Amino acid sequence: MKPYVFFDHTADSLFEAYGKTQEELFQNAALALESVQVTLKTVDKKKLKIIKLTSNSLGNLLFNFLQELLFLKDSEQLVFSEFKIKITKKRKYSLEARCNGEKINHKKHKLGVDIKAITFHQFEITQEKKYWKARILMDI
């Protein structure tokens, strides 16, 4: 199974991410998002950023995680090429993401499209028989 697949979309970027676990799904969704913005193989793992989030639903947790990655790119010029995700559920879903990457270097990184936001349009997260799937539309 591929970690993620992109689909043609008129004005935005649409992809589905897959994973055998919730953690793998989040990791692959984050890699898909980053791959739109930068060529992943050009991003070294020089800086570790830890993201901690909680939410009432798994879908909102994924949405907020991806939005946080966009915020870090815009505010701190950080892009990532590796993610280690831990998700737990007690009363709420909790996420701890260890994100490895570096600051954008225009001489080194091949930059792609700038993503404005993750949208709720067509956003869904589902559990299939043997894997998890998320469908995500990004405003570019």
N, C-alpha and C. Protein backbone atom coordinates (compact mmCIF):
# COMPACT_ATOMS: atom_id res chain seq x y z
N MET A 1 0.84 -1.17 0.00
CA MET A 1 0.00 0.00 0.00
C MET A 1 0.90 1.24 0.00
N LYS A 2 0.56 2.19 -0.83
CA LYS A 2 1.28 3.46 -0.86
C LYS A 2 0.92 4.26 0.39
N PRO A 3 1.85 5.10 0.88
CA PRO A 3 1.52 5.89 2.07
C PRO A 3 0.51 7.00 1.80
N TYR A 4 0.53 7.55 0.56
CA TYR A 4 -0.45 8.57 0.19
C TYR A 4 -0.54 8.66 -1.32
N VAL A 5 -1.68 9.18 -1.80
CA VAL A 5 -1.95 9.33 -3.23
C VAL A 5 -2.61 10.69 -3.45
N PHE A 6 -2.15 11.41 -4.48
CA PHE A 6 -2.76 12.69 -4.83
C PHE A 6 -3.75 12.50 -5.96
N PHE A 7 -4.79 13.37 -5.98
CA PHE A 7 -5.81 13.34 -7.01
C PHE A 7 -5.86 14.70 -7.69
N ASP A 8 -6.25 14.72 -8.96
CA ASP A 8 -6.42 15.98 -9.67
C ASP A 8 -7.56 16.76 -9.03
N HIS A 9 -7.33 18.05 -8.84
CA HIS A 9 -8.35 18.93 -8.30
C HIS A 9 -8.12 20.30 -8.92
N THR A 10 -9.18 20.97 -9.29
CA THR A 10 -9.06 22.20 -10.07
C THR A 10 -8.20 23.28 -9.43
N ALA A 11 -8.50 23.72 -8.25
CA ALA A 11 -7.78 24.87 -7.68
C ALA A 11 -7.03 24.53 -6.40
N ASP A 12 -7.21 23.35 -5.88
CA ASP A 12 -6.61 22.98 -4.61
C ASP A 12 -5.79 21.70 -4.78
N SER A 13 -5.31 21.16 -3.69
CA SER A 13 -4.57 19.90 -3.70
C SER A 13 -5.32 18.90 -2.83
N LEU A 14 -5.64 17.76 -3.41
CA LEU A 14 -6.43 16.72 -2.73
C LEU A 14 -5.61 15.45 -2.65
N PHE A 15 -5.56 14.85 -1.46
CA PHE A 15 -4.87 13.56 -1.33
C PHE A 15 -5.58 12.67 -0.33
N GLU A 16 -5.26 11.38 -0.43
CA GLU A 16 -5.66 10.40 0.57
C GLU A 16 -4.38 9.85 1.17
N ALA A 17 -4.38 9.73 2.49
CA ALA A 17 -3.26 9.11 3.21
C ALA A 17 -3.77 7.81 3.82
N TYR A 18 -2.86 6.86 3.97
CA TYR A 18 -3.21 5.54 4.48
C TYR A 18 -2.24 5.12 5.56
N GLY A 19 -2.70 4.23 6.42
CA GLY A 19 -1.83 3.68 7.44
C GLY A 19 -2.45 2.47 8.09
N LYS A 20 -1.61 1.54 8.49
CA LYS A 20 -2.09 0.34 9.19
C LYS A 20 -2.56 0.70 10.60
N THR A 21 -2.01 1.79 11.13
CA THR A 21 -2.38 2.28 12.46
C THR A 21 -2.75 3.75 12.35
N GLN A 22 -3.35 4.27 13.39
CA GLN A 22 -3.64 5.71 13.43
C GLN A 22 -2.35 6.51 13.34
N GLU A 23 -1.32 6.06 14.02
CA GLU A 23 -0.04 6.76 14.01
C GLU A 23 0.57 6.80 12.61
N GLU A 24 0.52 5.68 11.91
CA GLU A 24 1.06 5.63 10.56
C GLU A 24 0.24 6.52 9.61
N LEU A 25 -1.05 6.56 9.81
CA LEU A 25 -1.91 7.44 9.02
C LEU A 25 -1.51 8.91 9.20
N PHE A 26 -1.32 9.33 10.43
CA PHE A 26 -0.93 10.72 10.71
C PHE A 26 0.44 11.02 10.11
N GLN A 27 1.35 10.08 10.25
CA GLN A 27 2.70 10.25 9.69
C GLN A 27 2.63 10.43 8.18
N ASN A 28 1.87 9.58 7.50
CA ASN A 28 1.78 9.65 6.04
C ASN A 28 1.04 10.89 5.57
N ALA A 29 0.04 11.33 6.33
CA ALA A 29 -0.66 12.57 5.99
C ALA A 29 0.30 13.76 6.11
N ALA A 30 1.12 13.76 7.16
CA ALA A 30 2.09 14.84 7.34
C ALA A 30 3.14 14.83 6.23
N LEU A 31 3.59 13.65 5.83
CA LEU A 31 4.56 13.56 4.73
C LEU A 31 3.95 14.05 3.42
N ALA A 32 2.69 13.71 3.18
CA ALA A 32 2.02 14.18 1.97
C ALA A 32 1.94 15.71 1.97
N LEU A 33 1.53 16.29 3.09
CA LEU A 33 1.44 17.74 3.20
C LEU A 33 2.80 18.38 2.93
N GLU A 34 3.84 17.88 3.57
CA GLU A 34 5.18 18.44 3.40
C GLU A 34 5.67 18.27 1.96
N SER A 35 5.33 17.15 1.32
CA SER A 35 5.81 16.89 -0.04
C SER A 35 5.25 17.87 -1.06
N VAL A 36 4.12 18.49 -0.75
CA VAL A 36 3.56 19.52 -1.63
C VAL A 36 4.40 20.79 -1.54
N GLN A 37 4.95 21.05 -0.36
CA GLN A 37 5.66 22.30 -0.09
C GLN A 37 7.15 22.25 -0.39
N VAL A 38 7.75 21.05 -0.29
CA VAL A 38 9.20 20.93 -0.44
C VAL A 38 9.54 19.50 -0.89
N THR A 39 10.60 19.36 -1.65
CA THR A 39 11.09 18.02 -2.01
C THR A 39 11.68 17.40 -0.75
N LEU A 40 11.05 16.33 -0.27
CA LEU A 40 11.39 15.76 1.03
C LEU A 40 12.84 15.32 1.14
N LYS A 41 13.41 14.78 0.07
CA LYS A 41 14.78 14.27 0.15
C LYS A 41 15.80 15.39 0.34
N THR A 42 15.40 16.65 0.16
CA THR A 42 16.32 17.77 0.38
C THR A 42 16.29 18.27 1.82
N VAL A 43 15.39 17.73 2.64
CA VAL A 43 15.22 18.21 4.02
C VAL A 43 15.96 17.28 4.98
N ASP A 44 17.01 17.82 5.60
CA ASP A 44 17.77 17.05 6.60
C ASP A 44 17.06 17.10 7.95
N LYS A 45 17.38 16.13 8.77
CA LYS A 45 16.76 16.02 10.10
C LYS A 45 17.65 16.70 11.13
N LYS A 46 17.73 18.02 11.06
CA LYS A 46 18.62 18.80 11.92
C LYS A 46 17.92 19.35 13.16
N LYS A 47 16.62 19.57 13.07
CA LYS A 47 15.89 20.22 14.16
C LYS A 47 14.70 19.36 14.56
N LEU A 48 14.59 19.09 15.84
CA LEU A 48 13.45 18.34 16.38
C LEU A 48 12.44 19.33 16.96
N LYS A 49 11.21 19.16 16.54
CA LYS A 49 10.10 19.96 17.08
C LYS A 49 9.07 18.97 17.61
N ILE A 50 8.66 19.15 18.85
CA ILE A 50 7.64 18.26 19.44
C ILE A 50 6.32 19.01 19.48
N ILE A 51 5.31 18.36 18.92
CA ILE A 51 3.96 18.94 18.89
C ILE A 51 3.07 18.07 19.79
N LYS A 52 2.36 18.71 20.70
CA LYS A 52 1.41 18.02 21.57
C LYS A 52 0.05 18.66 21.40
N LEU A 53 -0.95 17.83 21.10
CA LEU A 53 -2.31 18.31 20.88
C LEU A 53 -3.30 17.35 21.51
N THR A 54 -4.49 17.87 21.84
CA THR A 54 -5.60 17.02 22.27
C THR A 54 -6.85 17.45 21.52
N SER A 55 -7.78 16.50 21.38
CA SER A 55 -9.05 16.79 20.71
C SER A 55 -10.08 15.75 21.10
N ASN A 56 -11.34 16.12 20.91
CA ASN A 56 -12.43 15.20 21.20
C ASN A 56 -12.60 14.13 20.13
N SER A 57 -12.08 14.37 18.92
CA SER A 57 -12.23 13.38 17.85
C SER A 57 -10.90 13.18 17.13
N LEU A 58 -10.75 12.01 16.55
CA LEU A 58 -9.54 11.69 15.80
C LEU A 58 -9.43 12.57 14.56
N GLY A 59 -10.54 12.85 13.90
CA GLY A 59 -10.54 13.70 12.73
C GLY A 59 -10.06 15.11 13.05
N ASN A 60 -10.58 15.68 14.13
CA ASN A 60 -10.14 17.02 14.53
C ASN A 60 -8.67 17.03 14.95
N LEU A 61 -8.22 15.94 15.54
CA LEU A 61 -6.82 15.84 15.93
C LEU A 61 -5.92 15.88 14.69
N LEU A 62 -6.28 15.14 13.65
CA LEU A 62 -5.51 15.15 12.40
C LEU A 62 -5.55 16.52 11.76
N PHE A 63 -6.73 17.11 11.67
CA PHE A 63 -6.89 18.44 11.09
C PHE A 63 -6.00 19.45 11.82
N ASN A 64 -6.05 19.46 13.15
CA ASN A 64 -5.27 20.41 13.95
C ASN A 64 -3.76 20.16 13.82
N PHE A 65 -3.36 18.90 13.71
CA PHE A 65 -1.96 18.55 13.54
C PHE A 65 -1.43 19.11 12.21
N LEU A 66 -2.17 18.89 11.15
CA LEU A 66 -1.74 19.39 9.84
C LEU A 66 -1.71 20.92 9.82
N GLN A 67 -2.70 21.55 10.45
CA GLN A 67 -2.70 23.01 10.55
C GLN A 67 -1.48 23.51 11.33
N GLU A 68 -1.09 22.79 12.37
CA GLU A 68 0.08 23.17 13.16
C GLU A 68 1.35 23.08 12.31
N LEU A 69 1.45 22.09 11.45
CA LEU A 69 2.61 22.00 10.56
C LEU A 69 2.67 23.19 9.61
N LEU A 70 1.52 23.62 9.12
CA LEU A 70 1.48 24.81 8.26
C LEU A 70 1.89 26.06 9.06
N PHE A 71 1.41 26.15 10.29
CA PHE A 71 1.78 27.29 11.14
C PHE A 71 3.29 27.34 11.36
N LEU A 72 3.91 26.19 11.62
CA LEU A 72 5.35 26.15 11.85
C LEU A 72 6.14 26.55 10.60
N LYS A 73 5.62 26.19 9.43
CA LYS A 73 6.28 26.60 8.20
C LYS A 73 6.18 28.11 8.03
N ASP A 74 5.00 28.65 8.27
CA ASP A 74 4.79 30.09 8.08
C ASP A 74 5.46 30.94 9.16
N SER A 75 5.44 30.49 10.40
CA SER A 75 5.95 31.31 11.51
C SER A 75 7.44 31.11 11.78
N GLU A 76 7.92 29.87 11.63
CA GLU A 76 9.32 29.58 11.96
C GLU A 76 10.12 29.09 10.76
N GLN A 77 9.47 29.06 9.58
CA GLN A 77 10.13 28.60 8.35
C GLN A 77 10.66 27.17 8.47
N LEU A 78 9.92 26.30 9.20
CA LEU A 78 10.33 24.91 9.39
C LEU A 78 9.59 23.98 8.44
N VAL A 79 10.35 23.07 7.84
CA VAL A 79 9.78 21.98 7.05
C VAL A 79 10.34 20.68 7.61
N PHE A 80 9.58 19.61 7.47
CA PHE A 80 9.94 18.35 8.10
C PHE A 80 9.94 17.21 7.09
N SER A 81 10.80 16.22 7.35
CA SER A 81 10.87 15.05 6.48
C SER A 81 10.72 13.74 7.24
N GLU A 82 10.53 13.83 8.55
CA GLU A 82 10.36 12.62 9.36
C GLU A 82 9.43 12.92 10.53
N PHE A 83 8.53 11.97 10.78
CA PHE A 83 7.56 12.13 11.88
C PHE A 83 7.46 10.84 12.67
N LYS A 84 7.49 10.96 13.98
CA LYS A 84 7.22 9.83 14.88
C LYS A 84 6.03 10.25 15.71
N ILE A 85 4.96 9.51 15.57
CA ILE A 85 3.67 9.90 16.14
C ILE A 85 3.25 8.91 17.23
N LYS A 86 2.71 9.45 18.32
CA LYS A 86 2.10 8.63 19.36
C LYS A 86 0.72 9.20 19.65
N ILE A 87 -0.29 8.35 19.54
CA ILE A 87 -1.68 8.77 19.81
C ILE A 87 -2.22 7.91 20.94
N THR A 88 -2.85 8.56 21.91
CA THR A 88 -3.50 7.84 23.01
C THR A 88 -4.92 8.38 23.15
N LYS A 89 -5.77 7.55 23.75
CA LYS A 89 -7.14 8.01 24.00
C LYS A 89 -7.55 7.62 25.41
N LYS A 90 -7.87 8.64 26.17
CA LYS A 90 -8.47 8.43 27.47
C LYS A 90 -9.85 9.06 27.38
N ARG A 91 -10.02 10.25 27.90
CA ARG A 91 -11.28 10.96 27.68
C ARG A 91 -11.26 11.65 26.31
N LYS A 92 -10.07 12.10 25.94
CA LYS A 92 -9.87 12.75 24.65
C LYS A 92 -8.72 12.05 23.94
N TYR A 93 -8.61 12.34 22.66
CA TYR A 93 -7.46 11.87 21.89
C TYR A 93 -6.29 12.81 22.17
N SER A 94 -5.12 12.24 22.37
CA SER A 94 -3.91 13.03 22.57
C SER A 94 -2.86 12.60 21.56
N LEU A 95 -2.11 13.58 21.08
CA LEU A 95 -1.07 13.33 20.10
C LEU A 95 0.24 13.92 20.61
N GLU A 96 1.30 13.15 20.44
CA GLU A 96 2.65 13.69 20.60
C GLU A 96 3.38 13.33 19.31
N ALA A 97 3.81 14.35 18.60
CA ALA A 97 4.51 14.16 17.33
C ALA A 97 5.93 14.68 17.46
N ARG A 98 6.88 13.84 17.14
CA ARG A 98 8.29 14.24 17.08
C ARG A 98 8.60 14.48 15.61
N CYS A 99 8.76 15.73 15.26
CA CYS A 99 8.94 16.15 13.87
C CYS A 99 10.39 16.56 13.65
N ASN A 100 11.04 15.93 12.68
CA ASN A 100 12.43 16.22 12.38
C ASN A 100 12.53 16.90 11.02
N GLY A 101 13.27 18.00 10.99
CA GLY A 101 13.44 18.73 9.75
C GLY A 101 14.43 19.86 9.93
N GLU A 102 14.19 20.95 9.21
CA GLU A 102 15.09 22.10 9.31
C GLU A 102 14.41 23.35 8.78
N LYS A 103 15.09 24.49 8.99
CA LYS A 103 14.59 25.77 8.46
C LYS A 103 14.74 25.78 6.94
N ILE A 104 13.81 26.45 6.29
CA ILE A 104 13.86 26.56 4.84
C ILE A 104 15.12 27.31 4.42
N ASN A 105 15.82 26.71 3.46
CA ASN A 105 17.00 27.31 2.87
C ASN A 105 16.74 27.35 1.36
N HIS A 106 16.54 28.53 0.82
CA HIS A 106 16.17 28.66 -0.59
C HIS A 106 17.26 28.18 -1.54
N LYS A 107 18.50 28.14 -1.08
CA LYS A 107 19.60 27.63 -1.91
C LYS A 107 19.64 26.10 -1.91
N LYS A 108 19.14 25.51 -0.85
CA LYS A 108 19.22 24.05 -0.69
C LYS A 108 17.92 23.33 -1.05
N HIS A 109 16.80 23.86 -0.59
CA HIS A 109 15.53 23.17 -0.74
C HIS A 109 14.84 23.50 -2.05
N LYS A 110 14.28 22.49 -2.67
CA LYS A 110 13.44 22.69 -3.84
C LYS A 110 12.01 22.87 -3.31
N LEU A 111 11.55 24.11 -3.33
CA LEU A 111 10.23 24.41 -2.78
C LEU A 111 9.13 24.17 -3.80
N GLY A 112 7.99 23.74 -3.29
CA GLY A 112 6.82 23.48 -4.14
C GLY A 112 5.79 24.57 -3.94
N VAL A 113 4.56 24.14 -3.77
CA VAL A 113 3.42 25.04 -3.64
C VAL A 113 3.24 25.44 -2.19
N ASP A 114 2.87 26.69 -1.96
CA ASP A 114 2.59 27.17 -0.62
C ASP A 114 1.14 26.84 -0.27
N ILE A 115 0.94 26.09 0.79
CA ILE A 115 -0.40 25.71 1.23
C ILE A 115 -0.93 26.78 2.17
N LYS A 116 -2.13 27.29 1.89
CA LYS A 116 -2.74 28.31 2.74
C LYS A 116 -3.40 27.69 3.97
N ALA A 117 -4.14 26.58 3.74
CA ALA A 117 -4.89 26.00 4.85
C ALA A 117 -5.37 24.60 4.49
N ILE A 118 -5.67 23.84 5.52
CA ILE A 118 -6.39 22.57 5.38
C ILE A 118 -7.87 22.94 5.43
N THR A 119 -8.68 22.31 4.60
CA THR A 119 -10.11 22.64 4.60
C THR A 119 -10.92 21.46 5.14
N PHE A 120 -12.12 21.77 5.62
CA PHE A 120 -13.03 20.71 6.05
C PHE A 120 -13.82 20.13 4.86
N HIS A 121 -13.77 20.81 3.72
CA HIS A 121 -14.46 20.31 2.53
C HIS A 121 -13.83 18.98 2.11
N GLN A 122 -14.61 17.93 2.02
CA GLN A 122 -14.21 16.57 1.67
C GLN A 122 -13.31 15.92 2.71
N PHE A 123 -13.07 16.57 3.84
CA PHE A 123 -12.21 16.00 4.88
C PHE A 123 -12.91 14.82 5.54
N GLU A 124 -12.22 13.71 5.59
CA GLU A 124 -12.77 12.56 6.31
C GLU A 124 -11.66 11.63 6.75
N ILE A 125 -11.93 10.92 7.82
CA ILE A 125 -11.02 9.90 8.30
C ILE A 125 -11.87 8.68 8.60
N THR A 126 -11.45 7.53 8.05
CA THR A 126 -12.23 6.30 8.21
C THR A 126 -11.31 5.13 8.49
N GLN A 127 -11.88 4.13 9.13
CA GLN A 127 -11.15 2.89 9.35
C GLN A 127 -11.73 1.85 8.41
N GLU A 128 -10.89 1.35 7.52
CA GLU A 128 -11.28 0.28 6.60
C GLU A 128 -11.00 -1.04 7.31
N LYS A 129 -11.11 -2.16 6.59
CA LYS A 129 -10.90 -3.46 7.25
C LYS A 129 -9.51 -3.61 7.85
N LYS A 130 -8.47 -3.28 7.07
CA LYS A 130 -7.11 -3.51 7.55
C LYS A 130 -6.27 -2.24 7.64
N TYR A 131 -6.88 -1.09 7.41
CA TYR A 131 -6.09 0.14 7.43
C TYR A 131 -6.98 1.35 7.71
N TRP A 132 -6.32 2.46 8.01
CA TRP A 132 -6.97 3.75 8.20
C TRP A 132 -6.78 4.58 6.95
N LYS A 133 -7.75 5.45 6.66
CA LYS A 133 -7.68 6.31 5.47
C LYS A 133 -8.15 7.70 5.84
N ALA A 134 -7.44 8.70 5.32
CA ALA A 134 -7.86 10.10 5.49
C ALA A 134 -7.88 10.76 4.13
N ARG A 135 -8.92 11.53 3.87
CA ARG A 135 -9.05 12.30 2.61
C ARG A 135 -8.94 13.78 3.01
N ILE A 136 -7.98 14.48 2.39
CA ILE A 136 -7.67 15.83 2.82
C ILE A 136 -7.53 16.76 1.61
N LEU A 137 -8.25 17.88 1.68
CA LEU A 137 -8.20 18.90 0.65
C LEU A 137 -7.48 20.12 1.23
N MET A 138 -6.44 20.57 0.52
CA MET A 138 -5.65 21.70 0.99
C MET A 138 -5.87 22.89 0.05
N ASP A 139 -6.08 24.05 0.64
CA ASP A 139 -6.24 25.29 -0.11
C ASP A 139 -4.85 25.82 -0.46
N ILE A 140 -4.60 25.96 -1.77
CA ILE A 140 -3.27 26.44 -2.20
C ILE A 140 -3.37 27.79 -2.87
